[in-house]
N, C-alpha and C. Protein backbone atom coordinates (compact mmCIF):
# COMPACT_ATOMS: atom_id res chain seq x y z
N MET A 1 19.63 8.30 12.42
CA MET A 1 18.90 9.19 12.39
C MET A 1 18.03 9.06 13.27
N LYS A 2 17.02 9.82 14.01
CA LYS A 2 15.65 9.64 14.43
C LYS A 2 14.47 10.84 13.48
N VAL A 3 13.54 9.69 13.23
CA VAL A 3 12.24 10.68 12.50
C VAL A 3 10.90 10.64 12.98
N LEU A 4 10.35 11.35 13.58
CA LEU A 4 9.00 11.63 13.87
C LEU A 4 7.80 11.78 12.74
N ILE A 5 7.07 10.28 12.67
CA ILE A 5 6.25 10.62 11.72
C ILE A 5 4.82 10.93 12.11
N LEU A 6 3.94 12.12 11.69
CA LEU A 6 2.67 12.37 11.86
C LEU A 6 1.82 12.26 11.02
N SER A 7 1.04 11.69 11.25
CA SER A 7 -0.26 10.55 10.64
C SER A 7 -1.41 11.20 11.03
N PRO A 8 -2.54 11.92 10.84
CA PRO A 8 -3.83 12.26 10.78
C PRO A 8 -4.49 11.24 11.41
N HIS A 9 -4.34 10.17 10.18
CA HIS A 9 -5.31 8.45 9.87
C HIS A 9 -4.17 7.87 10.16
N THR A 10 -4.62 6.29 10.43
CA THR A 10 -3.72 5.59 10.35
C THR A 10 -3.24 5.02 9.27
N ASP A 11 -3.41 5.31 8.20
CA ASP A 11 -2.93 5.34 6.68
C ASP A 11 -2.42 6.73 5.96
N ASP A 12 -2.27 7.50 6.42
CA ASP A 12 -2.10 8.88 5.91
C ASP A 12 -0.39 8.94 5.99
N ALA A 13 0.02 8.69 6.67
CA ALA A 13 1.64 8.63 6.40
C ALA A 13 1.97 7.63 4.82
N GLU A 14 1.51 6.80 4.65
CA GLU A 14 2.58 5.89 3.93
C GLU A 14 1.88 7.07 2.83
N LEU A 15 0.78 7.40 2.62
CA LEU A 15 0.06 8.16 1.31
C LEU A 15 0.62 9.37 1.02
N GLY A 16 1.33 9.86 1.63
CA GLY A 16 1.91 10.98 1.80
C GLY A 16 3.16 11.26 1.34
N CYS A 17 4.27 10.72 2.61
CA CYS A 17 5.48 10.40 1.80
C CYS A 17 5.94 8.51 2.37
N GLY A 18 4.96 7.56 1.85
CA GLY A 18 5.43 6.20 1.84
C GLY A 18 7.27 6.06 1.28
N ALA A 19 7.58 6.84 -0.13
CA ALA A 19 8.68 6.56 -0.70
C ALA A 19 9.98 7.22 0.68
N SER A 20 9.65 8.33 1.08
CA SER A 20 10.46 8.59 1.95
C SER A 20 10.65 7.76 3.48
N ILE A 21 9.52 6.92 3.62
CA ILE A 21 9.56 6.70 4.68
C ILE A 21 9.96 5.03 4.45
N ALA A 22 9.68 4.78 3.41
CA ALA A 22 10.52 3.28 3.15
C ALA A 22 12.30 3.54 2.95
N ARG A 23 12.69 4.78 2.45
CA ARG A 23 14.15 5.25 2.29
C ARG A 23 14.21 5.11 3.88
N MET A 24 14.05 6.13 4.71
CA MET A 24 14.71 5.94 5.87
C MET A 24 14.70 4.74 6.82
N VAL A 25 14.00 3.61 6.29
CA VAL A 25 13.71 2.51 7.46
C VAL A 25 14.88 1.99 6.62
N GLU A 26 15.46 1.93 5.16
CA GLU A 26 16.45 1.31 4.75
C GLU A 26 17.71 1.76 5.41
N GLU A 27 17.44 3.17 5.68
CA GLU A 27 19.09 4.05 6.07
C GLU A 27 19.26 3.26 7.42
N GLY A 28 18.36 2.85 8.08
CA GLY A 28 18.41 2.37 9.71
C GLY A 28 17.39 3.29 10.61
N ALA A 29 16.95 4.33 9.95
CA ALA A 29 16.51 5.47 10.97
C ALA A 29 15.78 5.06 12.44
N GLU A 30 15.79 5.34 13.03
CA GLU A 30 14.88 5.55 14.71
C GLU A 30 13.82 6.13 14.01
N ILE A 31 12.33 4.94 14.04
CA ILE A 31 11.06 6.19 13.88
C ILE A 31 10.27 5.86 14.66
N LEU A 32 9.90 7.15 15.16
CA LEU A 32 8.14 7.12 16.07
C LEU A 32 7.34 7.50 14.96
N TRP A 33 6.22 6.52 14.90
CA TRP A 33 5.24 6.90 14.21
C TRP A 33 3.96 7.35 14.95
N ILE A 34 3.60 8.43 15.15
CA ILE A 34 2.10 8.47 15.64
C ILE A 34 0.55 9.36 14.51
N VAL A 35 -0.26 8.68 15.23
CA VAL A 35 -1.14 8.70 14.33
C VAL A 35 -2.29 9.48 15.43
N PHE A 36 -3.19 10.23 14.52
CA PHE A 36 -3.44 11.08 15.62
C PHE A 36 -5.22 10.68 15.81
N SER A 37 -5.91 10.06 14.65
CA SER A 37 -6.95 9.37 14.99
C SER A 37 -7.19 8.32 14.14
N ILE A 38 -7.95 7.43 15.02
CA ILE A 38 -8.21 6.25 14.39
C ILE A 38 -9.82 6.39 13.52
N ALA A 39 -10.52 7.72 13.71
CA ALA A 39 -11.56 7.60 12.98
C ALA A 39 -12.79 6.63 13.48
N GLU A 40 -12.97 6.57 14.82
CA GLU A 40 -13.75 5.79 15.15
C GLU A 40 -15.23 6.22 15.12
N ASP A 41 -15.64 7.27 14.75
CA ASP A 41 -16.94 7.76 14.61
C ASP A 41 -17.34 7.62 13.27
N SER A 42 -16.16 7.53 12.23
CA SER A 42 -16.83 7.70 11.24
C SER A 42 -16.85 6.14 10.73
N LEU A 43 -16.75 5.05 11.38
CA LEU A 43 -17.00 3.87 11.09
C LEU A 43 -18.27 3.46 11.00
N PRO A 44 -19.13 2.32 10.51
CA PRO A 44 -20.35 2.15 10.53
C PRO A 44 -20.63 1.88 11.86
N ARG A 45 -22.10 1.74 12.23
CA ARG A 45 -22.30 1.43 13.96
C ARG A 45 -22.14 0.08 14.24
N HIS A 46 -22.08 -0.63 13.27
CA HIS A 46 -22.09 -1.89 13.13
C HIS A 46 -20.34 -2.33 14.24
N LEU A 47 -19.49 -1.83 13.45
CA LEU A 47 -18.06 -2.04 13.59
C LEU A 47 -17.63 -1.55 15.26
N PRO A 48 -16.97 -2.35 15.46
CA PRO A 48 -16.29 -1.62 17.09
C PRO A 48 -15.42 -0.52 16.86
N ARG A 49 -15.96 -0.03 17.34
CA ARG A 49 -15.01 2.02 17.60
C ARG A 49 -13.39 1.56 17.41
N ASP A 50 -12.82 0.47 17.66
CA ASP A 50 -11.46 0.25 17.15
C ASP A 50 -11.13 -0.56 16.58
N THR A 51 -11.99 -0.76 15.82
CA THR A 51 -11.55 -1.05 14.58
C THR A 51 -10.41 -0.90 13.43
N LEU A 52 -10.38 0.86 13.07
CA LEU A 52 -8.89 0.98 12.58
C LEU A 52 -7.45 0.95 13.46
N LYS A 53 -7.52 1.16 14.76
CA LYS A 53 -6.85 0.67 15.96
C LYS A 53 -6.31 -0.78 15.54
N LYS A 54 -6.97 -1.73 15.21
CA LYS A 54 -6.90 -2.87 15.46
C LYS A 54 -6.26 -3.49 14.43
N GLU A 55 -6.32 -2.80 13.04
CA GLU A 55 -5.97 -3.15 11.98
C GLU A 55 -4.58 -2.83 12.13
N PHE A 56 -4.47 -1.11 11.94
CA PHE A 56 -2.99 -0.97 12.24
C PHE A 56 -2.07 -1.67 12.93
N MET A 57 -2.98 -1.87 14.40
CA MET A 57 -1.59 -2.72 15.21
C MET A 57 -1.43 -4.22 14.93
N ASN A 58 -2.56 -5.00 14.24
CA ASN A 58 -2.07 -5.91 13.97
C ASN A 58 -0.96 -6.14 12.63
N ALA A 59 -1.27 -5.27 12.18
CA ALA A 59 -0.40 -5.23 10.49
C ALA A 59 0.77 -5.11 10.94
N LEU A 60 1.08 -3.90 12.08
CA LEU A 60 2.74 -4.40 12.87
C LEU A 60 2.89 -5.34 13.13
N GLY A 61 2.53 -5.98 13.88
CA GLY A 61 2.37 -7.07 14.51
C GLY A 61 2.86 -8.20 13.55
N CYS A 62 2.29 -8.46 12.20
CA CYS A 62 2.51 -9.49 11.66
C CYS A 62 3.69 -9.04 10.59
N LEU A 63 4.06 -8.01 10.47
CA LEU A 63 5.13 -7.74 9.77
C LEU A 63 6.51 -7.37 10.85
N GLY A 64 6.07 -7.45 11.95
CA GLY A 64 7.26 -8.16 12.77
C GLY A 64 8.14 -6.71 13.15
N LEU A 65 7.16 -5.77 12.58
CA LEU A 65 8.02 -3.92 12.90
C LEU A 65 8.38 -3.68 14.19
N GLN A 66 7.13 -4.39 15.57
CA GLN A 66 7.64 -3.71 16.75
C GLN A 66 8.77 -4.70 17.23
N GLU A 67 8.91 -5.69 16.86
CA GLU A 67 10.29 -6.69 17.29
C GLU A 67 11.06 -6.11 16.88
N ALA A 68 10.99 -5.52 15.42
CA ALA A 68 12.69 -5.02 15.13
C ALA A 68 12.95 -3.82 15.85
N GLY A 69 12.60 -3.48 16.80
CA GLY A 69 12.36 -2.02 17.41
C GLY A 69 11.44 -0.83 16.66
N TYR A 70 10.20 -0.55 15.79
CA TYR A 70 10.02 0.29 15.34
C TYR A 70 8.99 0.81 16.74
N VAL A 71 8.59 1.96 16.28
CA VAL A 71 7.69 2.74 17.50
C VAL A 71 6.34 2.39 16.75
N ALA A 72 5.49 2.53 16.99
CA ALA A 72 4.32 3.05 16.56
C ALA A 72 2.99 3.13 17.43
N GLU A 73 2.55 4.43 17.47
CA GLU A 73 1.91 5.14 18.68
C GLU A 73 0.26 5.45 18.08
N ILE A 74 -0.55 5.28 18.64
CA ILE A 74 -2.29 6.03 18.07
C ILE A 74 -2.66 7.08 19.14
N LEU A 75 -2.52 8.06 18.96
CA LEU A 75 -3.48 9.44 19.42
C LEU A 75 -4.84 9.35 19.08
N GLN A 76 -5.95 9.36 19.89
CA GLN A 76 -6.98 9.42 19.09
C GLN A 76 -7.59 10.86 19.17
N GLU A 77 -8.43 11.03 18.21
CA GLU A 77 -9.50 12.14 17.67
C GLU A 77 -10.90 11.68 17.32
N VAL A 78 -11.49 12.54 17.66
CA VAL A 78 -13.01 11.75 17.31
C VAL A 78 -13.82 12.71 16.40
N SER A 79 -14.04 12.03 15.26
CA SER A 79 -14.47 12.58 14.07
C SER A 79 -15.85 12.34 14.09
N ARG A 80 -17.05 13.26 13.37
CA ARG A 80 -18.06 12.63 13.27
C ARG A 80 -18.40 12.90 11.52
N LEU A 81 -17.63 11.74 11.23
CA LEU A 81 -17.74 11.69 9.63
C LEU A 81 -18.27 10.03 8.51
N PRO A 82 -19.15 10.62 7.74
CA PRO A 82 -19.64 8.86 7.30
C PRO A 82 -18.55 8.52 6.35
N SER A 83 -18.98 7.27 6.53
CA SER A 83 -18.05 5.66 5.97
C SER A 83 -18.90 4.57 6.25
N THR A 84 -18.17 4.01 4.71
CA THR A 84 -18.86 3.15 4.49
C THR A 84 -17.99 1.70 5.12
N GLY A 85 -16.93 1.49 5.73
CA GLY A 85 -16.13 0.57 6.19
C GLY A 85 -14.77 0.93 6.96
N SER A 86 -13.78 0.08 6.99
CA SER A 86 -12.50 0.06 7.55
C SER A 86 -11.47 -0.17 6.13
N GLY A 87 -10.37 0.13 6.50
CA GLY A 87 -9.34 -0.24 5.77
C GLY A 87 -8.04 0.02 5.91
N ILE A 88 -6.78 -0.57 5.32
CA ILE A 88 -5.72 -0.23 5.81
C ILE A 88 -4.43 0.08 4.76
N THR A 89 -3.54 0.48 4.46
CA THR A 89 -2.42 0.51 4.00
C THR A 89 -1.42 1.02 4.66
N LEU A 90 -0.20 -0.38 4.15
CA LEU A 90 1.25 -0.35 4.63
C LEU A 90 2.00 -0.08 3.74
N TRP A 91 2.86 0.81 3.76
CA TRP A 91 4.14 0.48 3.18
C TRP A 91 5.61 0.36 3.97
N ALA A 92 6.50 -0.60 2.89
CA ALA A 92 7.91 -0.82 3.15
C ALA A 92 8.82 -0.72 2.48
N ALA A 93 10.01 -0.57 2.41
CA ALA A 93 11.27 -0.41 1.44
C ALA A 93 10.65 -0.49 -0.01
N GLY A 94 9.51 0.66 -0.02
CA GLY A 94 9.35 0.97 -1.46
C GLY A 94 8.15 0.35 -2.09
N LYS A 95 7.63 -0.78 -1.35
CA LYS A 95 6.16 -1.33 -1.78
C LYS A 95 5.09 -1.46 -1.05
N GLY A 96 3.93 -1.32 -1.34
CA GLY A 96 2.90 -1.49 -0.47
C GLY A 96 1.90 -2.43 -0.92
N ALA A 97 0.72 -2.24 0.54
CA ALA A 97 -0.02 -3.29 0.33
C ALA A 97 -1.08 -2.55 1.18
N SER A 98 -2.16 -3.04 0.51
CA SER A 98 -3.72 -2.83 1.59
C SER A 98 -4.64 -3.57 1.89
N SER A 99 -5.96 -3.33 2.50
CA SER A 99 -6.72 -4.40 2.76
C SER A 99 -7.85 -3.87 3.20
N LEU A 100 -9.29 -4.03 2.41
CA LEU A 100 -10.76 -3.21 2.69
C LEU A 100 -11.12 -3.96 3.77
N GLY A 101 -11.99 -3.37 5.14
CA GLY A 101 -12.83 -4.34 5.92
C GLY A 101 -14.65 -4.60 5.17
N GLU A 102 -14.73 -5.23 5.69
CA GLU A 102 -16.00 -5.71 5.18
C GLU A 102 -16.93 -6.04 6.55
N ARG A 103 -18.67 -6.16 5.99
CA ARG A 103 -18.94 -6.24 7.39
C ARG A 103 -18.60 -7.31 7.47
N GLY A 104 -18.88 -7.96 8.90
CA GLY A 104 -18.87 -9.21 9.67
C GLY A 104 -17.27 -9.91 9.58
N LEU A 105 -16.39 -8.95 9.25
CA LEU A 105 -15.17 -9.28 9.34
C LEU A 105 -13.96 -8.18 10.39
N PRO A 106 -13.72 -9.24 11.16
CA PRO A 106 -12.71 -8.33 12.25
C PRO A 106 -11.58 -7.43 11.45
N ALA A 107 -11.68 -6.26 12.60
CA ALA A 107 -10.31 -5.54 12.13
C ALA A 107 -8.93 -6.63 12.18
N GLU A 108 -8.73 -7.22 13.14
CA GLU A 108 -7.54 -8.29 13.17
C GLU A 108 -7.13 -8.76 11.81
N LYS A 109 -8.05 -9.68 11.13
CA LYS A 109 -8.06 -9.87 9.90
C LYS A 109 -7.60 -9.34 8.46
N VAL A 110 -8.22 -7.87 8.67
CA VAL A 110 -8.02 -6.64 7.70
C VAL A 110 -6.66 -6.93 7.88
N GLY A 111 -6.42 -6.06 9.04
CA GLY A 111 -4.82 -6.05 9.62
C GLY A 111 -3.74 -6.86 8.68
N GLN A 112 -4.45 -8.15 9.13
CA GLN A 112 -3.95 -9.24 8.92
C GLN A 112 -4.09 -9.83 7.28
N ARG A 113 -4.52 -9.24 6.52
CA ARG A 113 -4.49 -10.02 4.84
C ARG A 113 -3.96 -8.57 4.56
N ALA A 114 -3.58 -7.30 4.88
CA ALA A 114 -2.50 -6.76 4.67
C ALA A 114 -0.98 -6.40 4.81
N ALA A 115 -0.98 -7.77 6.26
CA ALA A 115 0.30 -7.63 6.09
C ALA A 115 0.96 -8.60 5.28
N GLU A 116 -0.12 -9.94 5.14
CA GLU A 116 0.03 -10.58 4.17
C GLU A 116 0.48 -10.63 2.78
N GLU A 117 -0.44 -9.39 2.37
CA GLU A 117 -0.25 -8.79 1.02
C GLU A 117 1.49 -8.40 0.81
N MET A 118 1.62 -7.74 2.12
CA MET A 118 2.94 -7.03 2.11
C MET A 118 4.44 -8.11 2.18
N GLU A 119 3.82 -9.40 2.83
CA GLU A 119 4.85 -9.64 2.83
C GLU A 119 5.12 -10.77 1.46
N ARG A 120 3.95 -10.69 0.48
CA ARG A 120 4.12 -11.37 -1.05
C ARG A 120 5.12 -10.54 -1.78
N GLU A 121 4.73 -9.05 -1.61
CA GLU A 121 5.14 -7.71 -1.76
C GLU A 121 6.90 -8.00 -1.75
N LEU A 122 6.90 -8.20 -0.86
CA LEU A 122 8.42 -7.53 -0.14
C LEU A 122 9.57 -9.04 -0.50
N CYS A 123 8.70 -10.54 -0.55
CA CYS A 123 9.61 -11.37 -0.97
C CYS A 123 9.53 -11.55 -2.56
N SER A 124 9.19 -10.85 -3.24
CA SER A 124 9.18 -10.38 -4.93
C SER A 124 10.01 -10.27 -4.89
N PRO A 125 10.82 -10.68 -6.42
CA PRO A 125 12.06 -9.84 -7.12
C PRO A 125 11.67 -8.65 -7.52
N ALA A 126 10.44 -8.56 -7.91
CA ALA A 126 9.60 -7.53 -8.87
C ALA A 126 9.69 -6.00 -8.41
N ALA A 127 10.01 -5.20 -9.31
CA ALA A 127 10.71 -3.89 -9.02
C ALA A 127 9.44 -3.16 -8.85
N VAL A 128 8.19 -3.14 -8.53
CA VAL A 128 6.80 -2.47 -8.31
C VAL A 128 6.20 -3.61 -7.24
N ASP A 129 5.13 -2.80 -6.93
CA ASP A 129 4.32 -3.56 -6.19
C ASP A 129 2.80 -3.21 -7.30
N VAL A 130 2.22 -4.12 -6.61
CA VAL A 130 0.58 -4.67 -7.50
C VAL A 130 -0.48 -3.32 -8.07
N HIS A 131 -0.12 -2.37 -6.69
CA HIS A 131 -0.82 -1.25 -7.10
C HIS A 131 -0.10 0.01 -7.45
N LEU A 132 0.79 -0.32 -7.66
CA LEU A 132 1.73 0.89 -8.56
C LEU A 132 2.12 1.07 -9.71
N ALA A 133 1.94 -0.53 -10.20
CA ALA A 133 2.20 -0.93 -11.69
C ALA A 133 1.09 -0.80 -12.97
N ASP A 134 -0.50 -0.73 -12.69
CA ASP A 134 -1.34 0.12 -12.93
C ASP A 134 -0.84 1.94 -13.32
N GLN A 135 -0.99 2.16 -12.25
CA GLN A 135 -0.25 3.78 -12.38
C GLN A 135 0.54 4.13 -12.74
N LEU A 136 1.71 3.40 -13.56
CA LEU A 136 2.75 3.87 -14.19
C LEU A 136 2.61 3.25 -15.54
N ILE A 137 1.48 3.14 -16.08
CA ILE A 137 1.42 2.69 -17.46
C ILE A 137 1.41 4.42 -18.22
N PRO A 138 0.28 4.96 -18.17
CA PRO A 138 0.90 6.09 -18.85
C PRO A 138 2.06 6.81 -18.93
N TYR A 139 2.99 6.91 -17.74
CA TYR A 139 4.07 7.23 -18.14
C TYR A 139 4.69 6.09 -19.15
N LEU A 140 4.64 4.79 -18.91
CA LEU A 140 5.91 3.76 -19.66
C LEU A 140 5.12 3.92 -21.19
N ALA A 141 3.74 4.59 -21.74
CA ALA A 141 3.19 4.53 -22.66
C ALA A 141 4.16 5.90 -23.14
N LEU A 142 4.08 7.14 -22.79
CA LEU A 142 4.63 8.29 -23.04
C LEU A 142 5.94 8.18 -23.42
N ALA A 143 6.91 7.41 -22.38
CA ALA A 143 8.63 7.84 -22.24
C ALA A 143 9.05 6.40 -22.63
N GLY A 144 8.58 5.15 -22.44
CA GLY A 144 8.74 4.14 -23.07
C GLY A 144 9.55 3.39 -21.49
N GLY A 145 9.94 1.85 -21.99
CA GLY A 145 10.89 1.82 -20.97
C GLY A 145 10.45 0.70 -20.28
N SER A 146 10.80 -0.55 -19.09
CA SER A 146 9.99 -1.21 -18.63
C SER A 146 9.96 -1.51 -16.99
N TYR A 147 8.95 -2.39 -16.46
CA TYR A 147 9.04 -2.60 -15.08
C TYR A 147 8.21 -4.25 -14.87
N SER A 148 8.81 -4.52 -13.65
CA SER A 148 8.09 -5.84 -13.07
C SER A 148 7.79 -5.68 -11.89
N VAL A 149 6.49 -6.74 -12.01
CA VAL A 149 5.50 -6.59 -10.89
C VAL A 149 5.44 -8.40 -11.32
N ARG A 150 4.67 -8.79 -9.56
CA ARG A 150 4.72 -9.95 -9.04
C ARG A 150 3.16 -10.56 -10.08
N GLU A 151 1.78 -9.87 -9.84
CA GLU A 151 0.87 -9.93 -10.58
C GLU A 151 0.04 -8.90 -11.55
N ILE A 152 -0.45 -9.55 -12.33
CA ILE A 152 -1.13 -8.15 -12.94
C ILE A 152 -2.97 -8.18 -12.88
N SER A 153 -2.82 -6.76 -12.24
CA SER A 153 -4.26 -6.69 -11.72
C SER A 153 -5.41 -6.00 -13.26
N LEU A 154 -6.12 -6.50 -12.63
CA LEU A 154 -7.34 -5.68 -13.90
C LEU A 154 -7.23 -4.23 -14.03
N HIS A 155 -6.62 -3.43 -12.94
CA HIS A 155 -6.18 -2.16 -13.18
C HIS A 155 -5.70 -1.97 -14.12
N THR A 156 -4.29 -2.52 -14.13
CA THR A 156 -2.87 -2.49 -15.19
C THR A 156 -3.78 -3.06 -16.38
N LYS A 157 -4.26 -4.30 -16.95
CA LYS A 157 -5.11 -4.32 -17.78
C LYS A 157 -5.67 -3.76 -18.32
N THR A 158 -6.87 -2.52 -17.50
CA THR A 158 -7.50 -1.77 -18.25
C THR A 158 -6.50 -0.39 -18.62
N ASN A 159 -5.20 0.00 -17.88
CA ASN A 159 -4.76 0.72 -18.49
C ASN A 159 -3.87 0.89 -19.63
N ILE A 160 -3.60 -0.14 -19.54
CA ILE A 160 -2.87 -1.04 -20.59
C ILE A 160 -3.96 -0.58 -22.12
N TRP A 161 -5.04 -1.41 -22.07
CA TRP A 161 -5.63 -1.20 -23.60
C TRP A 161 -6.12 0.71 -23.32
N THR A 162 -5.91 1.37 -22.40
CA THR A 162 -6.05 2.70 -22.28
C THR A 162 -5.64 3.38 -23.31
N ALA A 163 -4.16 3.14 -22.85
CA ALA A 163 -2.81 3.51 -23.51
C ALA A 163 -2.96 3.37 -24.72
N GLY A 164 -3.25 2.19 -24.94
CA GLY A 164 -2.93 2.10 -26.18
C GLY A 164 -4.45 2.61 -27.11
N GLN A 165 -5.59 2.90 -26.51
CA GLN A 165 -6.43 3.63 -27.58
C GLN A 165 -6.29 5.47 -27.49
N PHE A 166 -5.61 6.03 -26.53
CA PHE A 166 -5.54 7.69 -26.44
C PHE A 166 -3.77 7.79 -27.04
N MET A 167 -3.03 6.78 -27.07
CA MET A 167 -1.76 6.88 -27.28
C MET A 167 -0.99 6.31 -28.14
N GLU A 168 -1.91 5.00 -28.56
CA GLU A 168 -1.49 4.50 -29.74
C GLU A 168 -0.01 3.54 -29.28
N ALA A 169 0.09 3.52 -27.81
CA ALA A 169 1.06 2.43 -27.49
C ALA A 169 1.13 1.11 -27.46
N LYS A 170 2.16 0.44 -27.42
CA LYS A 170 2.07 -0.64 -28.00
C LYS A 170 2.70 -1.38 -26.67
N ILE A 171 2.23 -2.13 -25.41
CA ILE A 171 2.38 -2.51 -24.19
C ILE A 171 2.18 -4.01 -23.99
N GLU A 172 3.25 -4.86 -23.92
CA GLU A 172 3.25 -5.67 -23.75
C GLU A 172 3.74 -6.27 -22.52
N ILE A 173 3.22 -7.71 -22.06
CA ILE A 173 3.14 -8.47 -20.53
C ILE A 173 4.22 -9.45 -20.87
N ARG A 174 5.00 -9.92 -20.36
CA ARG A 174 6.00 -11.35 -20.26
C ARG A 174 6.22 -11.97 -19.25
N GLU A 175 5.41 -13.31 -18.85
CA GLU A 175 5.97 -13.68 -17.45
C GLU A 175 7.13 -14.55 -17.69
N LYS A 176 8.04 -14.59 -16.72
CA LYS A 176 9.17 -15.65 -16.62
C LYS A 176 9.21 -15.51 -14.76
N GLY A 177 9.36 -16.62 -15.15
CA GLY A 177 9.82 -17.58 -13.21
C GLY A 177 8.44 -16.69 -12.01
N GLY A 178 7.32 -16.56 -12.84
CA GLY A 178 6.61 -16.06 -11.55
C GLY A 178 5.99 -14.38 -11.31
N VAL A 179 7.48 -13.72 -12.16
CA VAL A 179 7.26 -12.37 -12.31
C VAL A 179 6.71 -11.78 -13.49
N PHE A 180 6.21 -10.32 -13.84
CA PHE A 180 6.14 -10.43 -14.88
C PHE A 180 6.21 -8.62 -15.46
N ASN A 181 6.97 -8.64 -16.53
CA ASN A 181 7.55 -7.70 -16.89
C ASN A 181 6.79 -7.06 -17.97
N ILE A 182 6.47 -5.54 -17.80
CA ILE A 182 5.68 -4.83 -18.77
C ILE A 182 6.59 -3.62 -19.87
N GLU A 183 6.42 -3.61 -20.52
CA GLU A 183 7.43 -3.09 -21.32
C GLU A 183 7.11 -2.75 -22.74
N ARG A 184 6.75 -1.28 -22.92
CA ARG A 184 6.44 -0.68 -23.86
C ARG A 184 7.61 -1.08 -25.54
N LEU A 185 6.79 -1.85 -26.06
CA LEU A 185 7.62 -2.01 -27.50
C LEU A 185 8.50 -1.20 -28.42
N SER A 186 9.52 -1.12 -28.45
CA SER A 186 9.82 0.28 -29.10
C SER A 186 9.52 0.13 -30.83
N GLY A 187 9.48 1.24 -31.49
CA GLY A 187 9.12 1.64 -32.60
C GLY A 187 7.30 1.89 -32.65
N ASP A 188 7.08 2.03 -31.68
CA ASP A 188 5.82 2.62 -31.35
C ASP A 188 5.58 4.29 -31.44
């Protein structure tokens, strides 16, 4: 199967259809990913104009996607929008990772950080990534069940506390072998 992914910016495709992209990769699809804008004019003046392009391409390289035959292309569009920095989001095999830029941090390092986080997610036997874990808490509180994650974020802890305040749900975290299981206890 051949797939064409059209992305307005370097992270839009993952945000809009990340799970579908992951499924197509798993099914062995030949993917052409076109990014229309690296939003170079929206970056702060102190950042090089190719910051987001460097992040995107470095992340692909760190993940080995280019060597595996995946094609990524960035087409540029000039936009004049305010921005406080740069960032990149990656998706693969149903898990995600991201990294935010900061003053003095080269774009290549931002991309490398995202790739390293992605590698940790992909090497983990956990069912969901760190970023999805906190978003599932309200559904877990309402419907019950459980899932595993490699790390408990502050967002996850906050959402567990909030769910307990509004829905009176008792959610428990248990660590086993470096993986955390998050479960709504029955009888709530």
